[in-house]
C-alpha atoms as a PDB file:
ATOM      1  CA  MET A   1     -30.181  37.995  31.446  1.00  0.00           C
ATOM      2  CA  ALA A   2     -32.380  37.709  28.371  1.00  0.00           C
ATOM      3  CA  ALA A   3     -29.818  38.430  25.664  1.00  0.00           C
ATOM      4  CA  ASP A   4     -27.026  36.081  24.558  1.00  0.00           C
ATOM      5  CA  ILE A   5     -24.621  39.038  24.598  1.00  0.00           C
ATOM      6  CA  THR A   6     -25.012  42.122  26.742  1.00  0.00           C
ATOM      7  CA  ILE A   7     -22.645  45.044  26.207  1.00  0.00           C
ATOM      8  CA  VAL A   8     -22.254  47.114  29.363  1.00  0.00           C
ATOM      9  CA  GLY A   9     -20.742  50.576  29.691  1.00  0.00           C
ATOM     10  CA  LEU A  10     -18.472  50.889  32.730  1.00  0.00           C
ATOM     11  CA  GLY A  11     -18.346  54.684  32.612  1.00  0.00           C
ATOM     12  CA  THR A  12     -15.289  56.917  32.458  1.00  0.00           C
ATOM     13  CA  VAL A  13     -14.318  57.089  36.141  1.00  0.00           C
ATOM     14  CA  GLN A  14     -13.506  53.396  36.333  1.00  0.00           C
ATOM     15  CA  VAL A  15     -16.028  51.368  38.329  1.00  0.00           C
ATOM     16  CA  ASP A  16     -17.566  54.334  40.156  1.00  0.00           C
ATOM     17  CA  HIS A  17     -19.784  54.967  37.139  1.00  0.00           C
ATOM     18  CA  VAL A  18     -21.254  51.487  36.706  1.00  0.00           C
ATOM     19  CA  THR A  19     -25.057  51.608  36.879  1.00  0.00           C
ATOM     20  CA  ARG A  20     -27.093  49.278  39.091  1.00  0.00           C
ATOM     21  CA  GLN A  21     -28.492  47.675  35.960  1.00  0.00           C
ATOM     22  CA  GLY A  22     -25.005  47.107  34.578  1.00  0.00           C
ATOM     23  CA  ALA A  23     -23.759  45.579  37.831  1.00  0.00           C
ATOM     24  CA  ARG A  24     -26.752  43.220  37.962  1.00  0.00           C
ATOM     25  CA  VAL A  25     -26.253  42.009  34.400  1.00  0.00           C
ATOM     26  CA  LEU A  26     -22.534  41.460  34.985  1.00  0.00           C
ATOM     27  CA  SER A  27     -23.429  39.225  37.941  1.00  0.00           C
ATOM     28  CA  GLU A  28     -25.795  37.150  35.788  1.00  0.00           C
ATOM     29  CA  ALA A  29     -23.305  36.405  33.003  1.00  0.00           C
ATOM     30  CA  LYS A  30     -21.450  33.107  32.709  1.00  0.00           C
ATOM     31  CA  GLN A  31     -18.439  35.004  31.397  1.00  0.00           C
ATOM     32  CA  VAL A  32     -17.427  38.648  31.237  1.00  0.00           C
ATOM     33  CA  LEU A  33     -15.023  39.867  28.583  1.00  0.00           C
ATOM     34  CA  PHE A  34     -13.744  43.386  29.129  1.00  0.00           C
ATOM     35  CA  LEU A  35     -11.999  46.193  27.324  1.00  0.00           C
ATOM     36  CA  ASP A  36     -10.902  48.740  29.926  1.00  0.00           C
ATOM     37  CA  ASP A  37      -7.455  49.574  31.300  1.00  0.00           C
ATOM     38  CA  GLY A  38      -8.684  50.867  34.678  1.00  0.00           C
ATOM     39  CA  VAL A  39      -6.623  49.519  37.576  1.00  0.00           C
ATOM     40  CA  ALA A  40      -9.710  48.417  39.512  1.00  0.00           C
ATOM     41  CA  THR A  41     -11.712  46.970  36.627  1.00  0.00           C
ATOM     42  CA  ARG A  42     -10.622  43.336  36.772  1.00  0.00           C
ATOM     43  CA  ALA A  43     -11.136  43.067  40.537  1.00  0.00           C
ATOM     44  CA  PHE A  44     -14.571  44.650  40.236  1.00  0.00           C
ATOM     45  CA  LEU A  45     -15.603  42.192  37.528  1.00  0.00           C
ATOM     46  CA  GLU A  46     -14.141  39.144  39.304  1.00  0.00           C
ATOM     47  CA  ASP A  47     -16.314  39.974  42.319  1.00  0.00           C
ATOM     48  CA  ARG A  48     -19.341  39.479  40.082  1.00  0.00           C
ATOM     49  CA  CYS A  49     -18.465  36.745  37.633  1.00  0.00           C
ATOM     50  CA  PRO A  50     -16.311  33.582  37.943  1.00  0.00           C
ATOM     51  CA  ILE A  51     -14.822  33.897  34.449  1.00  0.00           C
ATOM     52  CA  VAL A  52     -13.309  37.230  33.429  1.00  0.00           C
ATOM     53  CA  VAL A  53     -11.316  37.658  30.206  1.00  0.00           C
ATOM     54  CA  ASP A  54      -9.204  40.693  29.339  1.00  0.00           C
ATOM     55  CA  LEU A  55      -9.410  41.478  25.604  1.00  0.00           C
ATOM     56  CA  LYS A  56      -6.279  43.621  25.664  1.00  0.00           C
ATOM     57  CA  GLU A  57      -4.376  40.926  23.750  1.00  0.00           C
ATOM     58  CA  HIS A  58      -6.316  41.898  20.627  1.00  0.00           C
ATOM     59  CA  LEU A  59      -4.813  45.398  20.689  1.00  0.00           C
ATOM     60  CA  VAL A  60      -1.646  44.359  18.893  1.00  0.00           C
ATOM     61  CA  ASP A  61       1.127  46.748  17.826  1.00  0.00           C
ATOM     62  CA  GLY A  62       0.947  47.340  14.089  1.00  0.00           C
ATOM     63  CA  ARG A  63      -2.694  46.254  13.897  1.00  0.00           C
ATOM     64  CA  SER A  64      -5.168  48.985  12.956  1.00  0.00           C
ATOM     65  CA  ARG A  65      -7.895  49.960  15.392  1.00  0.00           C
ATOM     66  CA  VAL A  66     -10.501  48.712  12.910  1.00  0.00           C
ATOM     67  CA  GLU A  67      -8.840  45.296  12.680  1.00  0.00           C
ATOM     68  CA  SER A  68      -8.483  45.107  16.463  1.00  0.00           C
ATOM     69  CA  HIS A  69     -12.197  45.695  16.959  1.00  0.00           C
ATOM     70  CA  HIS A  70     -12.981  42.959  14.435  1.00  0.00           C
ATOM     71  CA  HIS A  71     -10.901  40.543  16.532  1.00  0.00           C
ATOM     72  CA  ILE A  72     -12.643  41.722  19.705  1.00  0.00           C
ATOM     73  CA  ALA A  73     -16.074  41.200  18.148  1.00  0.00           C
ATOM     74  CA  ALA A  74     -15.081  37.706  16.991  1.00  0.00           C
ATOM     75  CA  ALA A  75     -13.888  36.774  20.497  1.00  0.00           C
ATOM     76  CA  VAL A  76     -17.166  37.896  22.067  1.00  0.00           C
ATOM     77  CA  LEU A  77     -19.274  36.036  19.515  1.00  0.00           C
ATOM     78  CA  ALA A  78     -17.207  32.867  19.975  1.00  0.00           C
ATOM     79  CA  ALA A  79     -17.681  33.026  23.753  1.00  0.00           C
ATOM     80  CA  ALA A  80     -21.441  33.498  23.406  1.00  0.00           C
ATOM     81  CA  LEU A  81     -21.741  30.604  20.963  1.00  0.00           C
ATOM     82  CA  ASP A  82     -19.659  28.363  23.210  1.00  0.00           C
ATOM     83  CA  ASP A  83     -21.415  29.047  26.506  1.00  0.00           C
ATOM     84  CA  GLY A  84     -23.647  32.095  26.792  1.00  0.00           C
ATOM     85  CA  PRO A  85     -24.926  34.373  28.065  1.00  0.00           C
ATOM     86  CA  VAL A  86     -21.852  36.576  28.169  1.00  0.00           C
ATOM     87  CA  CYS A  87     -21.121  40.242  28.798  1.00  0.00           C
ATOM     88  CA  LEU A  88     -18.750  42.602  27.096  1.00  0.00           C
ATOM     89  CA  ALA A  89     -17.773  45.378  29.518  1.00  0.00           C
ATOM     90  CA  VAL A  90     -16.265  48.484  27.935  1.00  0.00           C
ATOM     91  CA  ALA A  91     -14.966  51.776  29.271  1.00  0.00           C
ATOM     92  CA  GLY A  92     -17.315  54.708  28.922  1.00  0.00           C
ATOM     93  CA  HIS A  93     -20.459  54.288  26.847  1.00  0.00           C
ATOM     94  CA  PRO A  94     -20.813  51.259  24.515  1.00  0.00           C
ATOM     95  CA  THR A  95     -21.879  53.269  21.462  1.00  0.00           C
ATOM     96  CA  HIS A  96     -19.391  56.102  21.928  1.00  0.00           C
ATOM     97  CA  LEU A  97     -16.147  55.371  20.038  1.00  0.00           C
ATOM     98  CA  VAL A  98     -16.501  51.580  20.460  1.00  0.00           C
ATOM     99  CA  PRO A  99     -16.749  50.084  16.942  1.00  0.00           C
ATOM    100  CA  ALA A 100     -16.881  46.547  18.366  1.00  0.00           C
ATOM    101  CA  THR A 101     -20.386  47.225  19.687  1.00  0.00           C
ATOM    102  CA  PHE A 102     -21.767  47.731  16.195  1.00  0.00           C
ATOM    103  CA  LEU A 103     -19.780  44.837  14.740  1.00  0.00           C
ATOM    104  CA  ILE A 104     -21.158  42.499  17.403  1.00  0.00           C
ATOM    105  CA  ARG A 105     -24.708  43.691  16.801  1.00  0.00           C
ATOM    106  CA  ASP A 106     -24.463  43.141  13.043  1.00  0.00           C
ATOM    107  CA  LEU A 107     -22.630  39.801  13.182  1.00  0.00           C
ATOM    108  CA  ALA A 108     -24.831  38.367  15.941  1.00  0.00           C
ATOM    109  CA  THR A 109     -27.887  38.476  13.698  1.00  0.00           C
ATOM    110  CA  LEU A 110     -26.085  36.256  11.178  1.00  0.00           C
ATOM    111  CA  VAL A 111     -25.537  33.483  13.733  1.00  0.00           C
ATOM    112  CA  GLY A 112     -28.843  33.771  15.572  1.00  0.00           C
ATOM    113  CA  LEU A 113     -27.623  35.511  18.729  1.00  0.00           C
ATOM    114  CA  THR A 114     -29.407  38.316  20.532  1.00  0.00           C
ATOM    115  CA  VAL A 115     -27.651  41.454  21.742  1.00  0.00           C
ATOM    116  CA  GLU A 116     -28.578  44.058  24.338  1.00  0.00           C
ATOM    117  CA  VAL A 117     -26.624  47.268  24.919  1.00  0.00           C
ATOM    118  CA  LEU A 118     -26.728  49.076  28.266  1.00  0.00           C
ATOM    119  CA  PRO A 119     -25.620  52.708  28.583  1.00  0.00           C
ATOM    120  CA  GLY A 120     -22.702  54.028  30.580  1.00  0.00           C
ATOM    121  CA  ILE A 121     -21.397  57.484  31.423  1.00  0.00           C
ATOM    122  CA  SER A 122     -19.384  58.639  28.419  1.00  0.00           C
ATOM    123  CA  ALA A 123     -16.545  61.107  28.039  1.00  0.00           C
ATOM    124  CA  MET A 124     -19.140  63.446  26.553  1.00  0.00           C
ATOM    125  CA  ASP A 125     -21.174  63.316  29.765  1.00  0.00           C
ATOM    126  CA  GLN A 126     -18.040  64.071  31.761  1.00  0.00           C
ATOM    127  CA  LEU A 127     -17.049  66.991  29.565  1.00  0.00           C
ATOM    128  CA  PHE A 128     -20.530  68.498  29.729  1.00  0.00           C
ATOM    129  CA  VAL A 129     -19.936  68.869  33.474  1.00  0.00           C
ATOM    130  CA  GLU A 130     -16.236  69.713  33.454  1.00  0.00           C
ATOM    131  CA  LEU A 131     -16.578  72.367  30.731  1.00  0.00           C
ATOM    132  CA  MET A 132     -20.102  73.442  31.754  1.00  0.00           C
ATOM    133  CA  ILE A 133     -21.656  72.784  28.356  1.00  0.00           C
ATOM    134  CA  ASP A 134     -25.436  72.782  27.955  1.00  0.00           C
ATOM    135  CA  PRO A 135     -26.162  71.351  24.480  1.00  0.00           C
ATOM    136  CA  ALA A 136     -29.748  72.615  24.706  1.00  0.00           C
ATOM    137  CA  SER A 137     -28.680  76.269  24.958  1.00  0.00           C
ATOM    138  CA  HIS A 138     -26.720  76.760  21.734  1.00  0.00           C
ATOM    139  CA  GLY A 139     -26.718  73.307  20.165  1.00  0.00           C
ATOM    140  CA  LEU A 140     -23.641  71.112  19.811  1.00  0.00           C
ATOM    141  CA  GLN A 141     -21.354  69.915  17.023  1.00  0.00           C
ATOM    142  CA  CYS A 142     -19.505  66.614  17.493  1.00  0.00           C
ATOM    143  CA  PHE A 143     -17.095  65.041  15.040  1.00  0.00           C
ATOM    144  CA  GLU A 144     -14.353  62.448  15.149  1.00  0.00           C
ATOM    145  CA  ALA A 145     -11.120  64.198  14.155  1.00  0.00           C
ATOM    146  CA  THR A 146     -10.184  62.110  11.117  1.00  0.00           C
ATOM    147  CA  ASP A 147     -13.761  62.041   9.833  1.00  0.00           C
ATOM    148  CA  LEU A 148     -13.889  65.822  10.148  1.00  0.00           C
ATOM    149  CA  LEU A 149     -10.973  66.082   7.734  1.00  0.00           C
ATOM    150  CA  LEU A 150     -11.996  63.278   5.387  1.00  0.00           C
ATOM    151  CA  ARG A 151     -15.361  64.888   4.703  1.00  0.00           C
ATOM    152  CA  ARG A 152     -14.241  68.505   5.058  1.00  0.00           C
ATOM    153  CA  ARG A 153     -17.278  69.071   7.224  1.00  0.00           C
ATOM    154  CA  PRO A 154     -18.476  72.675   7.436  1.00  0.00           C
ATOM    155  CA  LEU A 155     -18.638  74.129  10.936  1.00  0.00           C
ATOM    156  CA  ALA A 156     -20.949  76.674  12.531  1.00  0.00           C
ATOM    157  CA  ALA A 157     -18.728  78.982  14.565  1.00  0.00           C
ATOM    158  CA  ASP A 158     -21.613  80.049  16.830  1.00  0.00           C
ATOM    159  CA  VAL A 159     -22.234  76.450  17.990  1.00  0.00           C
ATOM    160  CA  PRO A 160     -19.971  74.673  20.545  1.00  0.00           C
ATOM    161  CA  LEU A 161     -17.733  72.037  18.930  1.00  0.00           C
ATOM    162  CA  LEU A 162     -16.259  68.813  20.318  1.00  0.00           C
ATOM    163  CA  VAL A 163     -13.659  67.025  18.198  1.00  0.00           C
ATOM    164  CA  TRP A 164     -13.033  63.480  19.438  1.00  0.00           C
ATOM    165  CA  GLN A 165      -9.748  61.580  19.273  1.00  0.00           C
ATOM    166  CA  ILE A 166      -7.586  64.409  17.989  1.00  0.00           C
ATOM    167  CA  GLY A 167      -4.554  62.444  19.166  1.00  0.00           C
ATOM    168  CA  LEU A 168      -5.456  59.812  16.567  1.00  0.00           C
ATOM    169  CA  VAL A 169      -6.173  62.216  13.719  1.00  0.00           C
ATOM    170  CA  GLY A 170      -5.004  60.939  10.345  1.00  0.00           C
ATOM    171  CA  THR A 171      -4.066  57.429  11.453  1.00  0.00           C
ATOM    172  CA  LEU A 172      -5.783  54.082  12.026  1.00  0.00           C
ATOM    173  CA  LEU A 173      -2.956  52.767  14.167  1.00  0.00           C
ATOM    174  CA  PRO A 174      -3.040  52.874  17.984  1.00  0.00           C
ATOM    175  CA  VAL A 175      -1.170  55.807  19.504  1.00  0.00           C
ATOM    176  CA  LEU A 176       0.450  55.149  22.866  1.00  0.00           C
ATOM    177  CA  GLY A 177       2.646  58.219  23.205  1.00  0.00           C
ATOM    178  CA  HIS A 178       2.686  61.722  21.779  1.00  0.00           C
ATOM    179  CA  ARG A 179       2.818  62.550  18.079  1.00  0.00           C
ATOM    180  CA  PRO A 180       4.873  65.285  16.386  1.00  0.00           C
ATOM    181  CA  PRO A 181       3.377  68.750  15.878  1.00  0.00           C
ATOM    182  CA  GLU A 182       2.959  68.269  12.124  1.00  0.00           C
ATOM    183  CA  ALA A 183       0.383  65.536  12.751  1.00  0.00           C
ATOM    184  CA  PHE A 184      -2.047  68.240  13.913  1.00  0.00           C
ATOM    185  CA  GLU A 185      -1.430  70.812  11.188  1.00  0.00           C
ATOM    186  CA  PRO A 186      -4.146  69.584   8.762  1.00  0.00           C
ATOM    187  CA  LEU A 187      -6.760  69.700  11.520  1.00  0.00           C
ATOM    188  CA  THR A 188      -5.639  73.183  12.560  1.00  0.00           C
ATOM    189  CA  ARG A 189      -5.807  74.447   8.959  1.00  0.00           C
ATOM    190  CA  HIS A 190      -9.360  73.152   8.616  1.00  0.00           C
ATOM    191  CA  LEU A 191     -10.490  74.790  11.849  1.00  0.00           C
ATOM    192  CA  LEU A 192      -8.895  78.091  10.823  1.00  0.00           C
ATOM    193  CA  ARG A 193     -11.322  78.213   7.910  1.00  0.00           C
ATOM    194  CA  PHE A 194     -14.086  78.889  10.451  1.00  0.00           C
ATOM    195  CA  TYR A 195     -12.402  80.384  13.526  1.00  0.00           C
ATOM    196  CA  PRO A 196      -9.896  83.244  14.002  1.00  0.00           C
ATOM    197  CA  PRO A 197      -6.260  82.347  14.806  1.00  0.00           C
ATOM    198  CA  ASP A 198      -6.432  83.799  18.324  1.00  0.00           C
ATOM    199  CA  HIS A 199      -9.597  81.904  19.271  1.00  0.00           C
ATOM    200  CA  GLU A 200      -9.013  80.043  22.543  1.00  0.00           C
ATOM    201  CA  VAL A 201      -9.684  76.300  22.412  1.00  0.00           C
ATOM    202  CA  ILE A 202      -9.329  73.652  25.099  1.00  0.00           C
ATOM    203  CA  LEU A 203      -7.424  70.373  24.964  1.00  0.00           C
ATOM    204  CA  ALA A 204      -9.525  68.309  27.359  1.00  0.00           C
ATOM    205  CA  GLU A 205      -9.157  64.900  28.969  1.00  0.00           C
ATOM    206  CA  ALA A 206     -12.082  63.864  31.126  1.00  0.00           C
ATOM    207  CA  ALA A 207     -11.154  62.628  34.595  1.00  0.00           C
ATOM    208  CA  SER A 208     -10.581  58.852  34.607  1.00  0.00           C
ATOM    209  CA  HIS A 209     -10.368  58.326  38.370  1.00  0.00           C
ATOM    210  CA  ALA A 210     -12.205  59.832  41.335  1.00  0.00           C
ATOM    211  CA  LEU A 211      -8.892  61.041  42.804  1.00  0.00           C
ATOM    212  CA  LEU A 212      -7.676  62.672  39.581  1.00  0.00           C
ATOM    213  CA  GLU A 213      -8.454  66.163  38.367  1.00  0.00           C
ATOM    214  CA  PRO A 214      -9.496  66.598  34.727  1.00  0.00           C
ATOM    215  CA  ALA A 215      -6.682  67.744  32.441  1.00  0.00           C
ATOM    216  CA  HIS A 216      -7.712  70.838  30.482  1.00  0.00           C
ATOM    217  CA  VAL A 217      -5.231  73.057  28.636  1.00  0.00           C
ATOM    218  CA  ALA A 218      -6.358  76.304  26.987  1.00  0.00           C
ATOM    219  CA  VAL A 219      -4.411  77.280  23.847  1.00  0.00           C
ATOM    220  CA  ARG A 220      -4.770  79.627  20.894  1.00  0.00           C
ATOM    221  CA  LEU A 221      -6.043  77.795  17.825  1.00  0.00           C
ATOM    222  CA  ALA A 222      -3.219  78.978  15.550  1.00  0.00           C
ATOM    223  CA  VAL A 223      -0.576  77.368  17.772  1.00  0.00           C
ATOM    224  CA  LEU A 224      -2.460  74.127  18.467  1.00  0.00           C
ATOM    225  CA  PRO A 225       0.240  71.915  16.821  1.00  0.00           C
ATOM    226  CA  GLY A 226       2.829  73.415  19.156  1.00  0.00           C
ATOM    227  CA  HIS A 227       1.076  71.743  22.082  1.00  0.00           C
ATOM    228  CA  ALA A 228       1.473  68.223  20.704  1.00  0.00           C
ATOM    229  CA  ALA A 229       3.239  67.169  23.909  1.00  0.00           C
ATOM    230  CA  VAL A 230      -0.032  67.397  25.881  1.00  0.00           C
ATOM    231  CA  ILE A 231      -2.208  65.630  23.288  1.00  0.00           C
ATOM    232  CA  SER A 232      -2.861  61.922  23.821  1.00  0.00           C
ATOM    233  CA  ALA A 233      -5.248  59.346  22.378  1.00  0.00           C
ATOM    234  CA  ARG A 234      -7.779  60.389  25.056  1.00  0.00           C
ATOM    235  CA  THR A 235      -7.689  64.102  24.254  1.00  0.00           C
ATOM    236  CA  THR A 236     -10.820  65.833  23.018  1.00  0.00           C
ATOM    237  CA  LEU A 237     -10.695  69.298  21.476  1.00  0.00           C
ATOM    238  CA  TYR A 238     -13.351  71.713  22.696  1.00  0.00           C
ATOM    239  CA  VAL A 239     -13.902  74.795  20.556  1.00  0.00           C
ATOM    240  CA  PRO A 240     -16.168  77.328  22.306  1.00  0.00           C
ATOM    241  CA  PRO A 241     -18.609  79.264  20.140  1.00  0.00           C
ATOM    242  CA  ILE A 242     -17.896  82.704  18.746  1.00  0.00           C
ATOM    243  CA  GLY A 243     -20.777  84.933  19.741  1.00  0.00           C
ATOM    244  CA  THR A 244     -24.449  84.039  19.455  1.00  0.00           C
ATOM    245  CA  ARG A 245     -26.446  83.711  16.278  1.00  0.00           C
ATOM    246  CA  PRO A 246     -29.068  86.494  16.107  1.00  0.00           C
ATOM    247  CA  ILE A 247     -32.762  85.648  16.176  1.00  0.00           C
ATOM    248  CA  SER A 248     -34.093  85.339  12.637  1.00  0.00           C
ATOM    249  CA  ASP A 249     -37.731  84.364  13.111  1.00  0.00           C
ATOM    250  CA  GLN A 250     -39.618  87.179  14.793  1.00  0.00           C
ATOM    251  CA  GLU A 251     -42.902  85.296  14.518  1.00  0.00           C
ATOM    252  CA  VAL A 252     -41.581  82.426  16.651  1.00  0.00           C
ATOM    253  CA  LEU A 253     -40.170  84.919  19.157  1.00  0.00           C
ATOM    254  CA  ASP A 254     -43.515  86.709  19.398  1.00  0.00           C
ATOM    255  CA  GLY A 255     -45.206  83.364  20.017  1.00  0.00           C
ATOM    256  CA  LEU A 256     -43.068  82.851  23.116  1.00  0.00           C
ATOM    257  CA  SER A 257     -44.556  85.888  24.826  1.00  0.00           C
ATOM    258  CA  PRO A 258     -47.436  85.369  27.279  1.00  0.00           C
ATOM    259  CA  SER A 259     -50.868  85.937  25.796  1.00  0.00           C
ATOM    260  CA  LYS A 260     -52.313  89.318  26.577  1.00  0.00           C
END
């Protein structure tokens, strides 16, 4: 393993999604630190590395998610400085909703450590299959729920939309259970600026185990807050497009036709 720290994505369906490259790098590390609550994760990692450390202790009640990821990054850097090379194994994809990855990359340069990041199958990859989304057909909009509200981002109603972490909208604290309906009212109001009240949206949770079916609930946008009981920290909101944008550039269209 060339890098002092390698960050490996474990995929969304526990260890079934680990790539061959990821498994090889995990076996070459002196220590693997992991952030994944899958029931099979620790056993999988212990089969490949003699020292395995669960970073769950850094996810402390009352501590913001940002602060938790700072503690996680510090733990990984300390391990690499003490006796590298080390691996950080994370659920899903390392650059998808994992702030610690970017913190480690930035801080490592300050202490002379090298970092490599290896891809994993993300929740986005899973949802592309489960919801049959082709981002090349009509494009794709992706926003984190709180960021969507903070920046009042405009939306194109003819382009599919994925809103990540709607269960965490408006808070930096971890959410273990379900939140009250009013927590989702600001997000619903913003979406209603671009979509009709009766537009059907999907509350989606990608499958997290090979034996589990994905959890998808279709609801009308106007009554989204009323379904708070099925929204968790892992829920993604999928908003299908309304119609198709008409072709505006006839010259480009004509250029697609075979030459006569």
